[in-house]
């Protein structure tokens, strides 16, 4: 990967992801969820997040999202692409406020 933006493609903005990001400190560490390059590994994801957000990362968990079949009027018209999602747990005491402020 040439740059950190090749590794981190976009933040995942779902209800679950925002609850993990906005979780109070007494309930646990902050977890950020990103859509990442399918060829990126955990070490590259960790380095990219630390460089972009200036925080320390405790651990990274990744999952592959399977591409679903798309039907219209009962007929198969194609499939969505497979993609990779990363759950990045920050070390205790590390916080970011908003994605937009950093990017």
C-alpha atoms as a PDB file:
ATOM      1  CA  UNK A   1       0.000   0.000   0.000  1.00  0.00           C
ATOM      2  CA  UNK A   2       1.377   3.369  -0.986  1.00  0.00           C
ATOM      3  CA  UNK A   3      -0.355   5.643   1.527  1.00  0.00           C
ATOM      4  CA  UNK A   4      -2.579   5.434   4.588  1.00  0.00           C
ATOM      5  CA  UNK A   5      -5.560   6.430   2.427  1.00  0.00           C
ATOM      6  CA  UNK A   6      -5.055   3.275   0.353  1.00  0.00           C
ATOM      7  CA  UNK A   7      -5.555   1.224   3.534  1.00  0.00           C
ATOM      8  CA  UNK A   8      -8.433   3.144   5.171  1.00  0.00           C
ATOM      9  CA  UNK A   9     -11.213   3.659   2.624  1.00  0.00           C
ATOM     10  CA  UNK A  10     -14.070   5.087   4.729  1.00  0.00           C
ATOM     11  CA  UNK A  11     -15.576   5.055   8.210  1.00  0.00           C
ATOM     12  CA  UNK A  12     -18.571   2.773   8.681  1.00  0.00           C
ATOM     13  CA  UNK A  13     -21.485   4.933   9.830  1.00  0.00           C
ATOM     14  CA  UNK A  14     -24.123   2.575  11.188  1.00  0.00           C
ATOM     15  CA  UNK A  15     -26.024   2.617  14.449  1.00  0.00           C
ATOM     16  CA  UNK A  16     -23.807  -0.069  15.997  1.00  0.00           C
ATOM     17  CA  UNK A  17     -20.576   1.587  14.823  1.00  0.00           C
ATOM     18  CA  UNK A  18     -21.598   4.983  16.216  1.00  0.00           C
ATOM     19  CA  UNK A  19     -22.553   3.419  19.576  1.00  0.00           C
ATOM     20  CA  UNK A  20     -19.073   1.862  19.809  1.00  0.00           C
ATOM     21  CA  UNK A  21     -17.412   5.168  18.881  1.00  0.00           C
ATOM     22  CA  UNK A  22     -19.491   7.300  21.283  1.00  0.00           C
ATOM     23  CA  UNK A  23     -19.322   4.850  24.202  1.00  0.00           C
ATOM     24  CA  UNK A  24     -18.449   6.509  27.561  1.00  0.00           C
ATOM     25  CA  UNK A  25     -15.007   5.777  28.998  1.00  0.00           C
ATOM     26  CA  UNK A  26     -16.404   3.939  32.039  1.00  0.00           C
ATOM     27  CA  UNK A  27     -18.104   1.371  29.753  1.00  0.00           C
ATOM     28  CA  UNK A  28     -14.898   0.491  27.914  1.00  0.00           C
ATOM     29  CA  UNK A  29     -12.427   1.729  25.337  1.00  0.00           C
ATOM     30  CA  UNK A  30     -13.485   3.551  22.189  1.00  0.00           C
ATOM     31  CA  UNK A  31     -13.853   1.356  19.092  1.00  0.00           C
ATOM     32  CA  UNK A  32     -13.663   2.787  15.566  1.00  0.00           C
ATOM     33  CA  UNK A  33     -15.076   0.914  12.571  1.00  0.00           C
ATOM     34  CA  UNK A  34     -13.639   1.373   9.076  1.00  0.00           C
ATOM     35  CA  UNK A  35     -14.087  -0.007   5.600  1.00  0.00           C
ATOM     36  CA  UNK A  36     -10.569  -1.047   4.573  1.00  0.00           C
ATOM     37  CA  UNK A  37      -8.729  -2.346   1.541  1.00  0.00           C
ATOM     38  CA  UNK A  38      -9.329  -6.117   1.221  1.00  0.00           C
ATOM     39  CA  UNK A  39      -5.571  -6.675   0.798  1.00  0.00           C
ATOM     40  CA  UNK A  40      -4.638  -4.734   3.971  1.00  0.00           C
ATOM     41  CA  UNK A  41      -3.499  -6.661   7.039  1.00  0.00           C
ATOM     42  CA  UNK A  42      -3.898  -5.794  10.735  1.00  0.00           C
ATOM     43  CA  UNK A  43      -0.459  -4.176  11.032  1.00  0.00           C
ATOM     44  CA  UNK A  44      -1.088  -1.852   8.088  1.00  0.00           C
ATOM     45  CA  UNK A  45      -4.514  -0.894   9.467  1.00  0.00           C
ATOM     46  CA  UNK A  46      -3.028  -0.162  12.900  1.00  0.00           C
ATOM     47  CA  UNK A  47      -0.259   2.024  11.449  1.00  0.00           C
ATOM     48  CA  UNK A  48      -2.720   3.922   9.231  1.00  0.00           C
ATOM     49  CA  UNK A  49      -5.128   4.717  12.095  1.00  0.00           C
ATOM     50  CA  UNK A  50      -2.288   5.791  14.399  1.00  0.00           C
ATOM     51  CA  UNK A  51      -0.891   8.099  11.718  1.00  0.00           C
ATOM     52  CA  UNK A  52      -4.230   9.656  10.665  1.00  0.00           C
ATOM     53  CA  UNK A  53      -5.791  10.170  14.113  1.00  0.00           C
ATOM     54  CA  UNK A  54      -2.638  10.517  16.312  1.00  0.00           C
ATOM     55  CA  UNK A  55      -3.848   7.897  18.797  1.00  0.00           C
ATOM     56  CA  UNK A  56      -2.484   4.604  20.153  1.00  0.00           C
ATOM     57  CA  UNK A  57      -4.254   1.434  18.980  1.00  0.00           C
ATOM     58  CA  UNK A  58      -4.665  -1.512  21.338  1.00  0.00           C
ATOM     59  CA  UNK A  59      -5.968  -4.128  18.885  1.00  0.00           C
ATOM     60  CA  UNK A  60      -7.497  -4.573  15.451  1.00  0.00           C
ATOM     61  CA  UNK A  61     -10.150  -7.116  14.503  1.00  0.00           C
ATOM     62  CA  UNK A  62     -11.104  -7.659  10.857  1.00  0.00           C
ATOM     63  CA  UNK A  63     -14.013  -9.325   9.123  1.00  0.00           C
ATOM     64  CA  UNK A  64     -14.827  -9.976   5.497  1.00  0.00           C
ATOM     65  CA  UNK A  65     -18.304  -8.974   4.360  1.00  0.00           C
ATOM     66  CA  UNK A  66     -19.633 -11.340   1.707  1.00  0.00           C
ATOM     67  CA  UNK A  67     -21.096  -9.829  -1.439  1.00  0.00           C
ATOM     68  CA  UNK A  68     -24.852 -10.432  -1.520  1.00  0.00           C
ATOM     69  CA  UNK A  69     -26.883 -11.421  -4.545  1.00  0.00           C
ATOM     70  CA  UNK A  70     -29.191  -8.722  -5.902  1.00  0.00           C
ATOM     71  CA  UNK A  71     -32.637  -9.639  -7.224  1.00  0.00           C
ATOM     72  CA  UNK A  72     -35.092  -7.409  -9.051  1.00  0.00           C
ATOM     73  CA  UNK A  73     -38.600  -8.611  -9.934  1.00  0.00           C
ATOM     74  CA  UNK A  74     -37.599 -12.104  -8.866  1.00  0.00           C
ATOM     75  CA  UNK A  75     -34.635 -12.318 -11.205  1.00  0.00           C
ATOM     76  CA  UNK A  76     -30.942 -12.352 -10.358  1.00  0.00           C
ATOM     77  CA  UNK A  77     -29.303  -9.215 -11.748  1.00  0.00           C
ATOM     78  CA  UNK A  78     -25.866  -9.390 -10.108  1.00  0.00           C
ATOM     79  CA  UNK A  79     -23.886  -9.369  -6.895  1.00  0.00           C
ATOM     80  CA  UNK A  80     -22.491  -6.687  -4.621  1.00  0.00           C
ATOM     81  CA  UNK A  81     -18.731  -6.613  -4.113  1.00  0.00           C
ATOM     82  CA  UNK A  82     -17.084  -8.292  -1.152  1.00  0.00           C
ATOM     83  CA  UNK A  83     -15.419  -5.879   1.258  1.00  0.00           C
ATOM     84  CA  UNK A  84     -13.414  -5.871   4.477  1.00  0.00           C
ATOM     85  CA  UNK A  85     -14.331  -4.175   7.761  1.00  0.00           C
ATOM     86  CA  UNK A  86     -11.947  -3.390  10.633  1.00  0.00           C
ATOM     87  CA  UNK A  87     -12.850  -2.823  14.299  1.00  0.00           C
ATOM     88  CA  UNK A  88     -10.024  -0.728  15.803  1.00  0.00           C
ATOM     89  CA  UNK A  89      -9.896  -0.618  19.615  1.00  0.00           C
ATOM     90  CA  UNK A  90      -8.055   2.371  21.072  1.00  0.00           C
ATOM     91  CA  UNK A  91      -5.961   2.164  24.227  1.00  0.00           C
ATOM     92  CA  UNK A  92      -7.621   3.385  27.446  1.00  0.00           C
ATOM     93  CA  UNK A  93      -7.497   7.166  27.701  1.00  0.00           C
ATOM     94  CA  UNK A  94      -7.259   7.662  23.920  1.00  0.00           C
ATOM     95  CA  UNK A  95     -10.273   9.357  22.286  1.00  0.00           C
ATOM     96  CA  UNK A  96     -11.237  10.996  19.027  1.00  0.00           C
ATOM     97  CA  UNK A  97     -14.234  13.276  18.751  1.00  0.00           C
ATOM     98  CA  UNK A  98     -15.444  13.148  15.142  1.00  0.00           C
ATOM     99  CA  UNK A  99     -14.155  11.655  11.909  1.00  0.00           C
ATOM    100  CA  UNK A 100     -14.787  14.906  10.027  1.00  0.00           C
ATOM    101  CA  UNK A 101     -12.547  16.971  12.327  1.00  0.00           C
ATOM    102  CA  UNK A 102      -9.520  14.784  11.621  1.00  0.00           C
ATOM    103  CA  UNK A 103     -10.081  14.149   7.925  1.00  0.00           C
END
